[in-house]
Protein backbone atom coordinates (compact mmCIF):
# COMPACT_ATOMS: atom_id res chain seq x y z
CA MET A 1 0.01 0.00 0.00
CA LYS A 2 2.83 2.39 0.79
CA GLU A 3 3.84 2.35 -2.87
CA SER A 4 0.70 4.38 -3.66
CA LEU A 5 1.72 7.03 -1.14
CA GLU A 6 5.26 7.13 -2.52
CA ALA A 7 3.94 7.57 -6.07
CA PHE A 8 1.60 10.35 -4.91
CA ILE A 9 4.42 12.23 -3.16
CA VAL A 10 6.81 11.88 -6.09
CA LYS A 11 4.13 13.14 -8.46
CA GLU A 12 3.19 16.10 -6.25
CA LEU A 13 6.75 17.14 -5.60
CA GLY A 14 7.95 16.53 -9.15
CA GLY A 15 10.65 14.12 -8.06
CA ARG A 16 11.76 11.74 -5.37
CA PRO A 17 12.66 13.68 -2.19
CA ALA A 18 15.67 12.56 -0.16
CA ASP A 19 13.57 11.85 2.95
CA LEU A 20 10.79 9.92 1.21
CA ASN A 21 11.43 6.67 3.08
CA ARG A 22 11.41 8.52 6.41
CA VAL A 23 8.06 10.07 5.56
CA VAL A 24 6.42 6.90 4.32
CA ASP A 25 7.65 4.94 7.36
CA GLN A 26 5.53 7.21 9.62
CA PHE A 27 2.33 5.91 8.02
CA ASP A 28 0.42 2.82 9.17
CA GLU A 29 -1.83 0.62 7.07
CA LEU A 30 -5.50 0.11 7.76
CA ARG A 31 -7.85 -2.19 5.83
CA THR A 32 -11.50 -1.53 6.58
CA ARG A 33 -14.95 -2.84 5.87
CA LYS A 34 -17.80 -0.74 4.53
CA ASN A 35 -19.39 1.63 7.10
CA GLU A 36 -16.47 1.44 9.50
CA VAL A 37 -16.29 4.59 11.64
CA LEU A 38 -12.81 6.15 11.72
CA LEU A 39 -13.79 9.25 13.71
CA ASP A 40 -17.09 9.96 15.41
CA ALA A 41 -18.60 13.36 16.08
CA GLY A 42 -17.51 14.51 19.52
CA GLU A 43 -14.11 12.83 19.35
CA ILE A 44 -10.81 14.61 18.89
CA CYS A 45 -9.16 13.82 15.54
CA HIS A 46 -5.62 12.46 15.85
CA LYS A 47 -5.12 11.06 12.33
CA VAL A 48 -4.82 12.08 8.71
CA PHE A 49 -5.89 9.44 6.19
CA PHE A 50 -4.55 8.78 2.70
CA ILE A 51 -6.90 6.68 0.57
CA VAL A 52 -5.17 3.95 -1.37
CA LYS A 53 -8.39 2.20 -2.38
CA GLY A 54 -12.00 2.92 -1.46
CA CYS A 55 -14.06 5.86 -0.37
CA LEU A 56 -14.41 7.91 2.81
CA LYS A 57 -17.56 9.76 3.71
CA VAL A 58 -17.49 12.80 5.96
CA SER A 59 -20.82 13.66 7.63
CA SER A 60 -22.19 16.25 9.97
CA TYR A 61 -25.43 16.35 11.94
CA ASN A 62 -27.99 19.13 12.24
CA TYR A 63 -29.84 20.15 15.40
CA ASN A 64 -32.39 17.32 14.85
CA GLY A 65 -29.63 14.74 14.59
CA ASP A 66 -30.14 14.27 10.85
CA GLU A 67 -27.00 13.28 8.97
CA SER A 68 -25.70 15.19 5.94
CA THR A 69 -22.85 13.97 3.78
CA ILE A 70 -20.50 16.94 3.44
CA ASP A 71 -17.63 15.26 1.65
CA LEU A 72 -16.64 12.16 -0.28
CA ALA A 73 -13.00 11.23 -0.89
CA PHE A 74 -11.58 8.60 -3.18
CA GLU A 75 -8.23 7.11 -4.19
CA ASN A 76 -5.15 9.32 -3.82
CA GLU A 77 -6.96 11.87 -1.68
CA TRP A 78 -6.37 12.90 1.92
CA ARG A 79 -9.02 13.33 4.57
CA THR A 80 -9.18 14.38 8.16
CA ALA A 81 -11.45 16.49 10.36
CA MET A 82 -9.19 19.47 9.78
CA ARG A 83 -10.44 21.83 12.46
CA SER A 84 -10.40 19.07 15.10
CA PHE A 85 -6.98 17.83 13.97
CA VAL A 86 -5.35 21.28 14.02
CA ASN A 87 -7.02 22.65 17.19
CA GLN A 88 -7.32 19.33 19.04
CA GLN A 89 -10.98 20.03 19.82
CA ALA A 90 -14.00 17.75 19.54
CA SER A 91 -14.99 17.16 15.95
CA ASN A 92 -18.40 18.09 14.53
CA GLU A 93 -17.83 15.52 11.81
CA ARG A 94 -17.94 11.77 11.45
CA ILE A 95 -15.52 10.06 9.07
CA MET A 96 -16.42 6.58 7.94
CA THR A 97 -15.81 4.25 5.04
CA ALA A 98 -18.39 4.20 2.29
CA GLU A 99 -16.75 1.14 0.72
CA PRO A 100 -14.24 -1.44 1.92
CA SER A 101 -11.10 0.67 1.93
CA ASP A 102 -7.32 0.39 2.06
CA LEU A 103 -5.97 3.39 3.95
CA LEU A 104 -2.71 4.78 5.19
CA TYR A 105 -2.77 7.08 8.16
CA ILE A 106 -0.39 9.17 10.15
CA ASN A 107 -0.94 10.27 13.74
CA ARG A 108 -0.77 13.89 14.77
CA GLU A 109 2.57 13.65 16.59
CA SER A 110 4.30 12.09 13.59
CA PHE A 111 2.59 14.57 11.27
CA GLU A 112 3.85 17.52 13.29
CA MET A 113 7.35 16.07 13.55
CA LEU A 114 7.58 15.58 9.79
CA SER A 115 6.18 19.06 9.17
CA GLN A 116 8.96 20.53 11.29
CA GLU A 117 11.86 18.31 10.27
CA VAL A 118 11.23 17.44 6.61
CA PRO A 119 10.80 20.50 4.39
CA GLN A 120 9.22 18.52 1.56
CA PHE A 121 6.54 17.21 3.89
CA GLU A 122 5.53 20.78 4.61
CA LEU A 123 4.60 21.00 0.90
CA ILE A 124 2.37 17.93 1.29
CA TYR A 125 0.72 19.57 4.31
CA LYS A 126 0.16 22.74 2.33
CA LYS A 127 -1.45 20.69 -0.47
CA LEU A 128 -3.68 18.98 2.08
CA LEU A 129 -4.87 22.34 3.40
CA GLU A 130 -5.36 23.80 -0.05
CA ASP A 131 -7.27 20.77 -1.30
CA SER A 132 -9.46 20.71 1.77
CA TYR A 133 -10.32 24.40 1.39
CA SER A 134 -10.84 24.37 -2.37
CA GLN A 135 -13.06 21.26 -2.29
CA SER A 136 -15.21 22.76 0.45
CA VAL A 137 -15.61 26.03 -1.44
CA GLU A 138 -16.32 24.24 -4.73
CA ARG A 139 -19.01 22.05 -3.13
CA VAL A 140 -20.70 24.98 -1.37
CA GLN A 141 -20.65 27.04 -4.55
CA SER A 142 -22.07 24.19 -6.59
CA LEU A 143 -24.89 23.60 -4.11
CA MET A 144 -25.73 27.31 -3.98
CA SER A 145 -25.42 28.17 -7.65
CA MET A 146 -26.61 25.05 -9.49
CA ASP A 147 -30.02 23.55 -9.88
CA ALA A 148 -30.45 19.86 -8.99
CA LEU A 149 -29.78 18.53 -12.52
CA ASN A 150 -26.58 20.54 -12.86
CA ARG A 151 -25.37 19.30 -9.45
CA VAL A 152 -25.74 15.72 -10.68
CA LYS A 153 -23.87 16.59 -13.88
CA TRP A 154 -21.14 18.34 -11.85
CA LEU A 155 -20.67 15.25 -9.67
CA LEU A 156 -20.53 13.00 -12.73
CA HIS A 157 -17.84 15.26 -14.18
CA GLN A 158 -15.85 15.28 -10.92
CA HIS A 159 -16.17 11.55 -10.23
CA PRO A 160 -17.53 9.74 -13.32
CA PHE A 161 -17.41 6.34 -11.55
CA ILE A 162 -19.50 7.46 -8.58
CA PHE A 163 -22.86 5.98 -9.62
CA THR A 164 -21.35 2.52 -10.07
CA ARG A 165 -19.67 2.56 -6.65
CA LEU A 166 -21.99 4.32 -4.20
CA SER A 167 -25.64 4.05 -3.30
CA ASN A 168 -28.24 6.53 -4.52
CA ARG A 169 -28.97 7.35 -0.89
CA LEU A 170 -25.39 8.42 -0.23
CA ILE A 171 -25.08 10.37 -3.50
CA ALA A 172 -28.40 12.11 -2.85
CA SER A 173 -27.27 13.11 0.64
CA TYR A 174 -24.04 14.50 -0.77
CA LEU A 175 -25.95 16.57 -3.35
CA SER A 176 -28.62 17.68 -0.84
CA LEU A 177 -31.34 15.91 -2.82
CA SER A 178 -33.93 13.31 -2.02
CA GLU A 179 -33.37 9.82 -3.40
CA ALA A 180 -36.50 10.16 -5.53
CA THR A 181 -35.24 13.42 -7.07
CA LEU A 182 -31.85 11.87 -7.79
CA SER A 183 -33.47 8.83 -9.46
CA ARG A 184 -35.64 11.10 -11.61
CA LEU A 185 -32.67 13.23 -12.65
CA LYS A 186 -30.50 10.20 -13.46
CA ALA A 187 -33.20 9.04 -15.87
CA LYS A 188 -32.76 12.34 -17.77
CA LEU A 189 -29.04 11.81 -18.29
C-alpha cells in the first residue's frame, strides 16, 4: 500500500525527495470494511488518512440529529477532520468508510514532527490544506449556484465512476437531494 503514497508524493513534488522513506515509514496501514467509523462526532481527531483504495464519507449532523454527507473522498486523496486535527478540539464531523477501503494514516505527533523536520513534507501539508479548502468552497458554490440537474452533472464530471460505486442514498445526501429526485434526474441523463 505504501507504494501508492510514494507515487503520490513523487508526483506532487515533481521528483523523489531525499527523505521519502522517512516520511512513508511514519504511516500505518488500515484495511476496513464498509461503514467502519474512523472518527465519530464529539471525538478529537488524531489522524490524517490517505486513501489507497476505497471511499471515505465525511458527515455532519444538524440540530435534529439528521445526517448530511458533506464530503466524499476517493483514491489518492487525503481526509481528516481538519479543524479538530489542528485545534485538538472535539470534531463536529464523522468520518467513515463508504466502501471497503485500504488506507494509510499518520498520527498527529508524527505529522507535526515531519512538518517541522522534513521541508518537503511541509509541501504535502500545504497541499492537504489547499485541497481541503478548495473542495469545500467548490461544493458549497455548486450547491448554492446550481439547480439539481446541474449538481448531478457536476458530480458525474468530478467523479464519473460514482454511480457505479456508491448508493443513490449516499449520493443524494451529498448533493442535498432526495433519493427520488436523484433517481428522476438520473433518468434524464
